[in-house]
Amino acid sequence: MDRNGPRGIITMVCLTCGKEKFYTDDVPEQITCPQCQGTVFRTFATPTEPDEATIAQLEEQARSMSYGDASPETGANDVRDLDQR
């Protein structure tokens, strides 16, 4: 882990059973799942300190949560297509 970069938590998710392992420092080269003994994991990085890239990503993914607001990039015809009446 780059000590000069943003701090965060690394979540390793076992692809076989879904068990999660969390690391705040270095992630070991070889990881074995304690539940199923699997060795294939998917990595998720979660920053714990804000930086410009994280803030920009969150702003781009944000959407209005107000009742009745349409989904982003959804036109009126798209919504009518979903209505099964």
N, C-alpha and C. Protein backbone atom coordinates (compact mmCIF):
# COMPACT_ATOMS: atom_id res chain seq x y z
N MET A 1 0.84 -1.17 0.00
CA MET A 1 0.00 0.00 0.00
C MET A 1 0.88 1.23 0.00
N ASP A 2 0.54 2.21 -0.81
CA ASP A 2 1.29 3.45 -0.89
C ASP A 2 0.99 4.31 0.33
N ARG A 3 1.98 4.53 1.17
CA ARG A 3 1.79 5.31 2.40
C ARG A 3 1.52 6.78 2.10
N ASN A 4 1.87 7.27 0.90
CA ASN A 4 1.66 8.66 0.54
C ASN A 4 0.29 8.89 -0.09
N GLY A 5 -0.40 7.82 -0.46
CA GLY A 5 -1.71 7.93 -1.11
C GLY A 5 -2.82 7.98 -0.07
N PRO A 6 -4.05 7.97 -0.56
CA PRO A 6 -5.18 8.00 0.37
C PRO A 6 -5.27 6.73 1.20
N ARG A 7 -5.71 6.86 2.42
CA ARG A 7 -5.89 5.72 3.31
C ARG A 7 -7.21 5.04 3.01
N GLY A 8 -7.29 3.74 3.31
CA GLY A 8 -8.53 3.04 3.06
C GLY A 8 -8.52 1.63 3.59
N ILE A 9 -9.61 0.94 3.31
CA ILE A 9 -9.77 -0.46 3.70
C ILE A 9 -9.87 -1.29 2.43
N ILE A 10 -9.15 -2.38 2.40
CA ILE A 10 -9.22 -3.32 1.28
C ILE A 10 -10.10 -4.49 1.73
N THR A 11 -11.15 -4.75 0.97
CA THR A 11 -12.04 -5.87 1.25
C THR A 11 -11.78 -6.95 0.22
N MET A 12 -11.46 -8.14 0.68
CA MET A 12 -11.27 -9.29 -0.20
C MET A 12 -12.48 -10.20 -0.03
N VAL A 13 -13.19 -10.48 -1.13
CA VAL A 13 -14.39 -11.31 -1.09
C VAL A 13 -14.10 -12.63 -1.80
N CYS A 14 -14.30 -13.73 -1.10
CA CYS A 14 -14.07 -15.06 -1.66
C CYS A 14 -15.10 -15.31 -2.76
N LEU A 15 -14.64 -15.70 -3.94
CA LEU A 15 -15.54 -15.97 -5.05
C LEU A 15 -16.31 -17.26 -4.87
N THR A 16 -15.84 -18.15 -4.02
CA THR A 16 -16.52 -19.43 -3.82
C THR A 16 -17.69 -19.30 -2.86
N CYS A 17 -17.47 -18.68 -1.69
CA CYS A 17 -18.53 -18.65 -0.67
C CYS A 17 -18.99 -17.25 -0.28
N GLY A 18 -18.25 -16.20 -0.69
CA GLY A 18 -18.65 -14.84 -0.38
C GLY A 18 -18.13 -14.30 0.94
N LYS A 19 -17.33 -15.07 1.64
CA LYS A 19 -16.76 -14.62 2.92
C LYS A 19 -15.86 -13.40 2.66
N GLU A 20 -15.94 -12.40 3.53
CA GLU A 20 -15.15 -11.18 3.38
C GLU A 20 -14.01 -11.15 4.39
N LYS A 21 -12.86 -10.64 3.92
CA LYS A 21 -11.71 -10.40 4.79
C LYS A 21 -11.31 -8.95 4.57
N PHE A 22 -10.95 -8.25 5.65
CA PHE A 22 -10.65 -6.84 5.59
C PHE A 22 -9.20 -6.59 5.97
N TYR A 23 -8.56 -5.64 5.26
CA TYR A 23 -7.17 -5.29 5.51
C TYR A 23 -7.03 -3.77 5.48
N THR A 24 -6.28 -3.22 6.44
CA THR A 24 -6.00 -1.79 6.43
C THR A 24 -4.54 -1.52 6.09
N ASP A 25 -3.72 -2.55 6.12
CA ASP A 25 -2.31 -2.41 5.76
C ASP A 25 -2.07 -3.22 4.49
N ASP A 26 -0.99 -3.95 4.45
CA ASP A 26 -0.64 -4.76 3.28
C ASP A 26 -1.54 -5.99 3.18
N VAL A 27 -1.91 -6.30 1.95
CA VAL A 27 -2.68 -7.52 1.68
C VAL A 27 -1.68 -8.64 1.38
N PRO A 28 -1.79 -9.79 2.03
CA PRO A 28 -0.84 -10.88 1.78
C PRO A 28 -0.90 -11.37 0.32
N GLU A 29 0.21 -11.91 -0.14
CA GLU A 29 0.28 -12.46 -1.50
C GLU A 29 -0.69 -13.63 -1.67
N GLN A 30 -0.73 -14.53 -0.72
CA GLN A 30 -1.61 -15.71 -0.75
C GLN A 30 -2.63 -15.60 0.37
N ILE A 31 -3.91 -15.70 0.01
CA ILE A 31 -4.97 -15.67 1.01
C ILE A 31 -5.79 -16.95 0.85
N THR A 32 -6.11 -17.57 1.96
CA THR A 32 -6.97 -18.75 1.97
C THR A 32 -8.21 -18.43 2.79
N CYS A 33 -9.37 -18.72 2.23
CA CYS A 33 -10.63 -18.46 2.91
C CYS A 33 -10.75 -19.38 4.12
N PRO A 34 -11.04 -18.82 5.31
CA PRO A 34 -11.17 -19.66 6.50
C PRO A 34 -12.45 -20.52 6.49
N GLN A 35 -13.40 -20.16 5.65
CA GLN A 35 -14.67 -20.89 5.62
C GLN A 35 -14.65 -22.06 4.64
N CYS A 36 -14.18 -21.83 3.39
CA CYS A 36 -14.26 -22.87 2.36
C CYS A 36 -12.89 -23.29 1.82
N GLN A 37 -11.83 -22.66 2.31
CA GLN A 37 -10.46 -22.92 1.86
C GLN A 37 -10.20 -22.46 0.43
N GLY A 38 -11.07 -21.62 -0.12
CA GLY A 38 -10.88 -21.06 -1.46
C GLY A 38 -9.69 -20.12 -1.50
N THR A 39 -9.14 -19.93 -2.69
CA THR A 39 -7.96 -19.07 -2.83
C THR A 39 -8.17 -17.97 -3.86
N VAL A 40 -9.38 -17.83 -4.41
CA VAL A 40 -9.64 -16.80 -5.40
C VAL A 40 -10.55 -15.74 -4.77
N PHE A 41 -10.06 -14.50 -4.76
CA PHE A 41 -10.77 -13.41 -4.12
C PHE A 41 -10.96 -12.25 -5.09
N ARG A 42 -12.00 -11.47 -4.87
CA ARG A 42 -12.21 -10.23 -5.61
C ARG A 42 -11.89 -9.10 -4.65
N THR A 43 -11.21 -8.06 -5.16
CA THR A 43 -10.73 -6.96 -4.35
C THR A 43 -11.64 -5.73 -4.49
N PHE A 44 -11.97 -5.12 -3.35
CA PHE A 44 -12.70 -3.86 -3.33
C PHE A 44 -11.93 -2.90 -2.44
N ALA A 45 -11.62 -1.71 -2.95
CA ALA A 45 -10.92 -0.69 -2.17
C ALA A 45 -11.91 0.38 -1.75
N THR A 46 -11.94 0.69 -0.45
CA THR A 46 -12.83 1.71 0.08
C THR A 46 -11.98 2.77 0.77
N PRO A 47 -11.89 3.97 0.21
CA PRO A 47 -11.10 5.02 0.85
C PRO A 47 -11.76 5.48 2.14
N THR A 48 -10.94 5.78 3.14
CA THR A 48 -11.46 6.28 4.41
C THR A 48 -11.13 7.76 4.60
N GLU A 49 -10.36 8.32 3.69
CA GLU A 49 -10.06 9.75 3.71
C GLU A 49 -10.43 10.31 2.35
N PRO A 50 -11.11 11.45 2.31
CA PRO A 50 -11.50 12.01 1.02
C PRO A 50 -10.29 12.49 0.22
N ASP A 51 -10.32 12.25 -1.07
CA ASP A 51 -9.34 12.81 -1.98
C ASP A 51 -10.10 13.25 -3.23
N GLU A 52 -9.44 13.93 -4.14
CA GLU A 52 -10.12 14.50 -5.30
C GLU A 52 -10.78 13.44 -6.16
N ALA A 53 -10.12 12.31 -6.37
CA ALA A 53 -10.67 11.25 -7.23
C ALA A 53 -11.92 10.64 -6.60
N THR A 54 -11.91 10.41 -5.30
CA THR A 54 -13.06 9.84 -4.62
C THR A 54 -14.24 10.79 -4.65
N ILE A 55 -14.00 12.06 -4.39
CA ILE A 55 -15.07 13.06 -4.40
C ILE A 55 -15.67 13.17 -5.79
N ALA A 56 -14.82 13.20 -6.83
CA ALA A 56 -15.32 13.29 -8.21
C ALA A 56 -16.16 12.07 -8.57
N GLN A 57 -15.72 10.90 -8.17
CA GLN A 57 -16.47 9.67 -8.46
C GLN A 57 -17.83 9.69 -7.79
N LEU A 58 -17.90 10.10 -6.54
CA LEU A 58 -19.16 10.16 -5.82
C LEU A 58 -20.11 11.18 -6.44
N GLU A 59 -19.58 12.33 -6.86
CA GLU A 59 -20.42 13.34 -7.49
C GLU A 59 -20.98 12.86 -8.82
N GLU A 60 -20.18 12.12 -9.60
CA GLU A 60 -20.65 11.60 -10.88
C GLU A 60 -21.71 10.53 -10.70
N GLN A 61 -21.62 9.75 -9.64
CA GLN A 61 -22.57 8.66 -9.42
C GLN A 61 -23.80 9.08 -8.64
N ALA A 62 -23.78 10.28 -8.08
CA ALA A 62 -24.90 10.74 -7.26
C ALA A 62 -26.13 10.97 -8.12
N ARG A 63 -27.28 10.71 -7.54
CA ARG A 63 -28.54 11.00 -8.21
C ARG A 63 -29.54 11.49 -7.20
N SER A 64 -30.54 12.17 -7.69
CA SER A 64 -31.54 12.74 -6.80
C SER A 64 -32.33 11.63 -6.13
N MET A 65 -32.63 11.81 -4.88
CA MET A 65 -33.41 10.82 -4.14
C MET A 65 -34.81 11.33 -3.85
N SER A 66 -35.22 12.43 -4.49
CA SER A 66 -36.54 12.98 -4.25
C SER A 66 -37.61 12.10 -4.88
N TYR A 67 -38.75 12.00 -4.22
CA TYR A 67 -39.85 11.19 -4.72
C TYR A 67 -40.34 11.74 -6.06
N GLY A 68 -40.47 10.86 -7.02
CA GLY A 68 -40.99 11.23 -8.33
C GLY A 68 -39.94 11.63 -9.34
N ASP A 69 -38.69 11.75 -8.93
CA ASP A 69 -37.64 12.09 -9.87
C ASP A 69 -37.36 10.92 -10.79
N ALA A 70 -37.15 11.22 -12.06
CA ALA A 70 -36.82 10.17 -13.02
C ALA A 70 -35.37 9.74 -12.83
N SER A 71 -35.07 8.55 -13.26
CA SER A 71 -33.70 8.06 -13.22
C SER A 71 -32.86 8.86 -14.21
N PRO A 72 -31.56 9.00 -13.95
CA PRO A 72 -30.70 9.72 -14.89
C PRO A 72 -30.69 9.03 -16.25
N GLU A 73 -30.64 9.83 -17.27
CA GLU A 73 -30.57 9.36 -18.66
C GLU A 73 -31.77 8.49 -19.03
N THR A 74 -32.92 8.75 -18.42
CA THR A 74 -34.14 8.02 -18.74
C THR A 74 -35.15 9.00 -19.30
N GLY A 75 -35.62 8.72 -20.50
CA GLY A 75 -36.62 9.57 -21.11
C GLY A 75 -38.02 9.11 -20.78
N ALA A 76 -39.02 9.93 -21.12
CA ALA A 76 -40.41 9.59 -20.83
C ALA A 76 -40.83 8.31 -21.54
N ASN A 77 -40.36 8.09 -22.77
CA ASN A 77 -40.70 6.87 -23.49
C ASN A 77 -40.12 5.62 -22.84
N ASP A 78 -38.94 5.75 -22.24
CA ASP A 78 -38.33 4.62 -21.55
C ASP A 78 -39.18 4.20 -20.36
N VAL A 79 -39.70 5.17 -19.64
CA VAL A 79 -40.53 4.87 -18.47
C VAL A 79 -41.84 4.22 -18.92
N ARG A 80 -42.43 4.70 -20.01
CA ARG A 80 -43.68 4.09 -20.52
C ARG A 80 -43.45 2.65 -20.94
N ASP A 81 -42.28 2.34 -21.45
CA ASP A 81 -41.98 0.97 -21.86
C ASP A 81 -41.99 0.01 -20.67
N LEU A 82 -41.68 0.51 -19.49
CA LEU A 82 -41.65 -0.32 -18.30
C LEU A 82 -43.03 -0.55 -17.70
N ASP A 83 -43.99 0.29 -18.06
CA ASP A 83 -45.36 0.17 -17.53
C ASP A 83 -46.06 -0.99 -18.23
N GLN A 84 -46.45 -2.00 -17.47
CA GLN A 84 -47.01 -3.22 -18.03
C GLN A 84 -48.53 -3.17 -18.20
N ARG A 85 -49.16 -2.02 -18.08
CA ARG A 85 -50.62 -1.94 -18.24
C ARG A 85 -51.03 -2.12 -19.66
